[in-house]
N, C-alpha and C. Protein backbone atom coordinates (compact mmCIF):
# COMPACT_ATOMS: atom_id res chain seq x y z
N UNK A 1 -6.76 4.96 2.83
CA UNK A 1 -5.99 4.39 3.22
C UNK A 1 -4.93 4.45 2.82
N UNK A 2 -3.52 4.12 3.27
CA UNK A 2 -2.43 4.45 2.99
C UNK A 2 -1.07 2.69 2.93
N UNK A 3 -0.46 3.01 2.30
CA UNK A 3 0.28 1.82 2.35
C UNK A 3 -0.74 0.09 2.06
N UNK A 4 -1.12 0.55 0.83
CA UNK A 4 -1.53 -0.39 0.93
C UNK A 4 -1.64 -1.56 -0.39
N UNK A 5 -1.92 -2.50 0.08
CA UNK A 5 -1.30 -3.74 -0.76
C UNK A 5 -2.64 -4.66 -0.97
N UNK A 6 -3.15 -4.56 -2.23
CA UNK A 6 -3.74 -5.49 -3.52
C UNK A 6 -3.25 -6.97 -3.40
N UNK A 7 -4.59 -7.69 -3.44
CA UNK A 7 -4.79 -9.25 -3.16
C UNK A 7 -4.97 -9.42 -4.13
N UNK A 8 -4.80 -10.71 -5.17
CA UNK A 8 -5.55 -10.85 -6.58
C UNK A 8 -5.26 -13.13 -6.03
N UNK A 9 -6.45 -12.88 -6.65
CA UNK A 9 -6.77 -14.74 -6.97
C UNK A 9 -5.79 -14.77 -8.48
N UNK A 10 -6.03 -16.41 -8.37
CA UNK A 10 -4.52 -16.69 -9.31
C UNK A 10 -4.79 -16.38 -10.52
N UNK A 11 -6.21 -16.06 -11.18
CA UNK A 11 -6.86 -15.53 -12.58
C UNK A 11 -6.37 -14.20 -12.62
N UNK A 12 -6.07 -13.18 -11.29
CA UNK A 12 -5.40 -11.83 -11.46
C UNK A 12 -6.86 -10.83 -10.96
N UNK A 13 -8.07 -11.60 -10.63
CA UNK A 13 -8.63 -10.47 -10.01
C UNK A 13 -8.46 -9.85 -8.78
N UNK A 14 -8.92 -8.86 -8.64
CA UNK A 14 -8.27 -8.11 -7.41
C UNK A 14 -9.65 -8.15 -6.11
N UNK A 15 -9.08 -8.83 -5.23
CA UNK A 15 -10.00 -9.73 -4.51
C UNK A 15 -10.11 -8.82 -3.39
N UNK A 16 -8.88 -7.70 -2.60
CA UNK A 16 -9.13 -7.40 -1.49
C UNK A 16 -7.53 -6.45 -1.74
N UNK A 17 -7.62 -5.62 -0.57
CA UNK A 17 -6.88 -4.59 -0.23
C UNK A 17 -6.39 -4.14 0.90
N UNK A 18 -5.72 -4.71 1.10
CA UNK A 18 -4.90 -4.17 2.66
C UNK A 18 -4.34 -3.19 2.80
N UNK A 19 -4.31 -2.11 4.14
CA UNK A 19 -3.96 -1.12 4.09
C UNK A 19 -3.97 -0.46 5.39
N UNK A 20 -3.35 0.64 5.55
CA UNK A 20 -2.87 1.07 6.98
C UNK A 20 -4.24 2.59 6.67
N UNK A 21 -5.30 2.44 7.97
CA UNK A 21 -6.33 3.29 7.85
C UNK A 21 -6.12 4.41 8.74
N UNK A 22 -5.70 5.45 9.16
CA UNK A 22 -5.58 6.89 9.12
C UNK A 22 -6.54 7.19 10.52
N UNK A 23 -7.58 6.82 10.67
CA UNK A 23 -8.94 7.23 10.62
C UNK A 23 -8.74 6.77 12.16
N UNK A 24 -8.07 4.61 11.70
CA UNK A 24 -8.83 4.47 13.53
C UNK A 24 -7.13 3.72 14.29
N UNK A 25 -6.25 4.06 13.03
CA UNK A 25 -5.15 3.87 13.65
C UNK A 25 -4.65 2.45 13.69
N UNK A 26 -5.51 1.18 12.30
CA UNK A 26 -5.79 -0.11 12.66
C UNK A 26 -4.99 -0.72 11.54
N UNK A 27 -4.64 -1.51 10.98
CA UNK A 27 -4.24 -2.54 9.45
C UNK A 27 -5.96 -2.47 9.14
N UNK A 28 -6.37 -2.25 7.78
CA UNK A 28 -7.76 -2.74 7.19
C UNK A 28 -7.71 -3.84 5.96
N UNK A 29 -8.34 -4.27 6.01
CA UNK A 29 -8.36 -5.87 4.80
C UNK A 29 -10.14 -4.91 4.32
N UNK A 30 -10.18 -5.15 3.56
CA UNK A 30 -11.58 -4.34 3.21
C UNK A 30 -11.25 -5.19 1.12
N UNK A 31 -12.45 -6.32 1.76
CA UNK A 31 -13.21 -7.25 0.14
C UNK A 31 -13.85 -6.82 -0.92
N UNK A 32 -13.31 -6.49 -1.76
CA UNK A 32 -14.02 -6.10 -3.20
C UNK A 32 -14.82 -6.02 -3.68
N UNK A 33 -15.39 -7.64 -3.70
CA UNK A 33 -16.70 -8.57 -4.13
C UNK A 33 -17.41 -8.14 -2.91
N UNK A 34 -17.56 -7.10 -2.18
CA UNK A 34 -18.65 -7.24 -0.94
C UNK A 34 -18.36 -5.87 -0.33
N UNK A 35 -19.43 -5.28 -1.07
CA UNK A 35 -19.93 -3.92 -0.05
C UNK A 35 -19.67 -3.62 1.04
N UNK A 36 -18.95 -3.34 2.05
CA UNK A 36 -19.02 -3.16 3.66
C UNK A 36 -18.58 -4.72 4.30
N UNK A 37 -17.59 -5.12 3.58
CA UNK A 37 -17.18 -5.72 4.70
C UNK A 37 -15.27 -6.00 4.61
N UNK A 38 -15.44 -4.97 5.74
CA UNK A 38 -14.10 -4.92 6.40
C UNK A 38 -13.41 -5.84 7.51
N UNK A 39 -12.20 -5.59 7.55
CA UNK A 39 -11.75 -6.20 9.03
C UNK A 39 -10.84 -5.32 9.37
N UNK A 40 -10.52 -4.57 10.82
CA UNK A 40 -9.44 -3.94 11.13
C UNK A 40 -8.54 -4.73 12.23
N UNK A 41 -7.48 -4.79 11.96
CA UNK A 41 -6.14 -5.46 12.84
C UNK A 41 -5.46 -4.67 12.86
N UNK A 42 -4.17 -5.22 13.84
CA UNK A 42 -3.64 -3.99 14.91
C UNK A 42 -2.07 -3.83 14.45
N UNK A 43 -1.77 -4.96 13.31
CA UNK A 43 -0.72 -5.01 12.42
C UNK A 43 -0.54 -5.43 10.99
N UNK A 44 -0.28 -4.73 10.29
CA UNK A 44 0.07 -5.26 8.85
C UNK A 44 0.47 -6.94 8.61
N UNK A 45 1.33 -7.11 9.57
CA UNK A 45 1.96 -9.19 10.01
C UNK A 45 0.22 -9.32 9.70
N UNK A 46 -0.38 -8.76 11.20
CA UNK A 46 -1.69 -9.91 11.53
C UNK A 46 -2.47 -9.89 10.23
N UNK A 47 -2.91 -8.76 10.02
CA UNK A 47 -3.79 -8.55 8.21
C UNK A 47 -2.70 -9.69 7.39
N UNK A 48 -1.76 -9.49 6.93
CA UNK A 48 -1.77 -10.41 5.76
C UNK A 48 -1.80 -11.96 6.37
N UNK A 49 -0.89 -12.32 7.24
CA UNK A 49 -1.70 -13.56 8.71
C UNK A 49 -3.45 -14.26 8.48
N UNK A 50 -4.09 -12.85 9.08
CA UNK A 50 -4.93 -12.93 8.46
C UNK A 50 -6.14 -13.42 7.42
N UNK A 51 -5.51 -12.66 6.17
CA UNK A 51 -6.15 -12.66 4.71
C UNK A 51 -5.97 -14.20 4.30
N UNK A 52 -4.26 -14.36 4.49
CA UNK A 52 -4.07 -15.67 4.34
C UNK A 52 -4.41 -16.88 5.01
N UNK A 53 -5.33 -17.04 6.27
CA UNK A 53 -5.20 -17.84 6.67
C UNK A 53 -6.91 -18.08 6.58
N UNK A 54 -7.08 -16.55 6.87
CA UNK A 54 -9.01 -17.38 7.22
C UNK A 54 -10.10 -16.68 5.99
N UNK A 55 -9.57 -16.68 4.44
CA UNK A 55 -10.26 -15.87 3.89
C UNK A 55 -9.64 -16.71 2.53
N UNK A 56 -10.17 -17.14 2.25
CA UNK A 56 -10.75 -18.18 0.40
C UNK A 56 -9.67 -17.49 -0.31
N UNK A 57 -8.80 -17.88 -0.95
CA UNK A 57 -7.52 -17.11 -1.64
C UNK A 57 -8.05 -17.14 -3.16
N UNK A 58 -9.12 -17.41 -3.65
CA UNK A 58 -9.56 -17.18 -5.06
C UNK A 58 -11.30 -16.37 -5.28
N UNK A 59 -12.01 -16.63 -4.35
CA UNK A 59 -13.33 -16.09 -3.63
C UNK A 59 -12.53 -14.63 -3.31
N UNK A 60 -11.96 -14.49 -2.40
CA UNK A 60 -11.81 -13.53 -1.49
C UNK A 60 -12.81 -13.70 0.08
N UNK A 61 -13.65 -13.91 -0.16
CA UNK A 61 -14.45 -14.44 0.97
C UNK A 61 -14.18 -15.37 2.17
N UNK A 62 -14.45 -14.28 3.80
CA UNK A 62 -13.76 -15.32 5.00
C UNK A 62 -14.79 -16.80 4.94
N UNK A 63 -14.07 -17.44 5.71
CA UNK A 63 -14.41 -18.50 6.19
C UNK A 63 -15.02 -18.56 7.32
N UNK A 64 -14.55 -17.11 8.05
CA UNK A 64 -15.64 -17.67 9.69
C UNK A 64 -16.08 -15.67 9.63
N UNK A 65 -16.98 -15.12 9.46
CA UNK A 65 -17.00 -13.74 9.36
C UNK A 65 -16.99 -13.62 11.12
N UNK A 66 -16.58 -14.24 12.36
CA UNK A 66 -17.06 -13.19 13.84
C UNK A 66 -15.60 -13.29 13.95
N UNK A 67 -14.16 -13.63 13.43
CA UNK A 67 -12.96 -13.60 14.03
C UNK A 67 -11.96 -14.09 12.72
N UNK A 68 -11.11 -13.41 12.89
CA UNK A 68 -10.09 -13.57 11.92
C UNK A 68 -8.70 -13.27 12.46
N UNK A 69 -8.22 -14.51 13.32
CA UNK A 69 -6.84 -14.33 13.78
C UNK A 69 -6.53 -12.92 14.62
N UNK A 70 -7.61 -11.96 15.58
CA UNK A 70 -7.54 -11.06 15.82
C UNK A 70 -7.85 -10.09 15.58
N UNK A 71 -8.44 -10.01 13.92
CA UNK A 71 -8.26 -9.11 13.49
C UNK A 71 -10.58 -8.87 13.75
N UNK A 72 -10.80 -7.29 14.02
CA UNK A 72 -12.33 -6.90 14.37
C UNK A 72 -13.25 -6.78 13.09
N UNK A 73 -14.02 -7.92 13.04
CA UNK A 73 -15.00 -7.44 11.45
C UNK A 73 -16.08 -5.65 11.67
N UNK A 74 -15.97 -5.29 10.25
CA UNK A 74 -16.61 -4.19 10.38
C UNK A 74 -18.44 -4.08 11.52
N UNK A 75 -18.40 -5.11 11.59
CA UNK A 75 -19.59 -5.52 12.67
C UNK A 75 -19.22 -4.64 14.48
N UNK A 76 -18.17 -4.67 14.49
CA UNK A 76 -16.84 -4.42 15.81
C UNK A 76 -16.11 -3.12 15.17
N UNK A 77 -16.69 -2.34 14.47
CA UNK A 77 -16.25 -1.16 13.99
C UNK A 77 -16.48 0.13 15.09
N UNK A 78 -17.64 0.08 15.42
CA UNK A 78 -17.85 1.19 16.19
C UNK A 78 -16.72 0.45 17.98
N UNK A 79 -16.84 -0.42 18.24
CA UNK A 79 -16.25 -0.84 19.80
C UNK A 79 -15.02 -1.05 19.12
N UNK A 80 -14.25 -0.53 18.28
CA UNK A 80 -12.53 -0.37 18.21
C UNK A 80 -12.74 0.82 18.26
N UNK A 81 -13.26 1.86 17.62
CA UNK A 81 -13.46 3.12 17.53
C UNK A 81 -13.45 3.88 18.91
N UNK A 82 -14.43 2.87 20.09
CA UNK A 82 -14.92 3.13 21.20
C UNK A 82 -13.86 2.98 21.80
N UNK A 83 -12.82 2.09 22.18
CA UNK A 83 -11.54 1.44 22.77
C UNK A 83 -10.78 2.04 22.28
N UNK A 84 -10.34 2.55 21.12
CA UNK A 84 -9.16 3.87 20.08
C UNK A 84 -9.81 4.88 21.54
N UNK A 85 -10.66 5.53 21.11
CA UNK A 85 -11.04 6.56 22.09
C UNK A 85 -10.92 6.91 23.90
N UNK A 86 -11.02 5.60 24.49
CA UNK A 86 -11.25 5.30 25.91
C UNK A 86 -9.40 5.55 26.14
N UNK A 87 -8.86 4.73 25.05
CA UNK A 87 -7.35 4.28 25.12
C UNK A 87 -6.32 6.15 24.90
N UNK A 88 -7.20 6.55 24.43
CA UNK A 88 -6.48 8.57 23.79
C UNK A 88 -6.76 9.19 25.19
N UNK A 89 -8.42 8.62 26.03
CA UNK A 89 -8.54 9.72 27.26
C UNK A 89 -7.76 9.80 27.85
């Protein structure tokens, strides 16, 4: 991941990282406390807005696992990669 931003709570605990995933060509939110909790967004602005609007700022956990302001959660990784492959074809 490049262009990473660390997201911290009020006590300075690292909750998540937002960065550009070069493999998928999407912006990614990785929640530190939960292995495998990743979300993919089309732009950095959408990723930052999703973090602000859809995640608890003290725990880092999402309020809704299925939809995040236009982002795909890890369960949708395969769909994101397939969509990218079809788009490039």
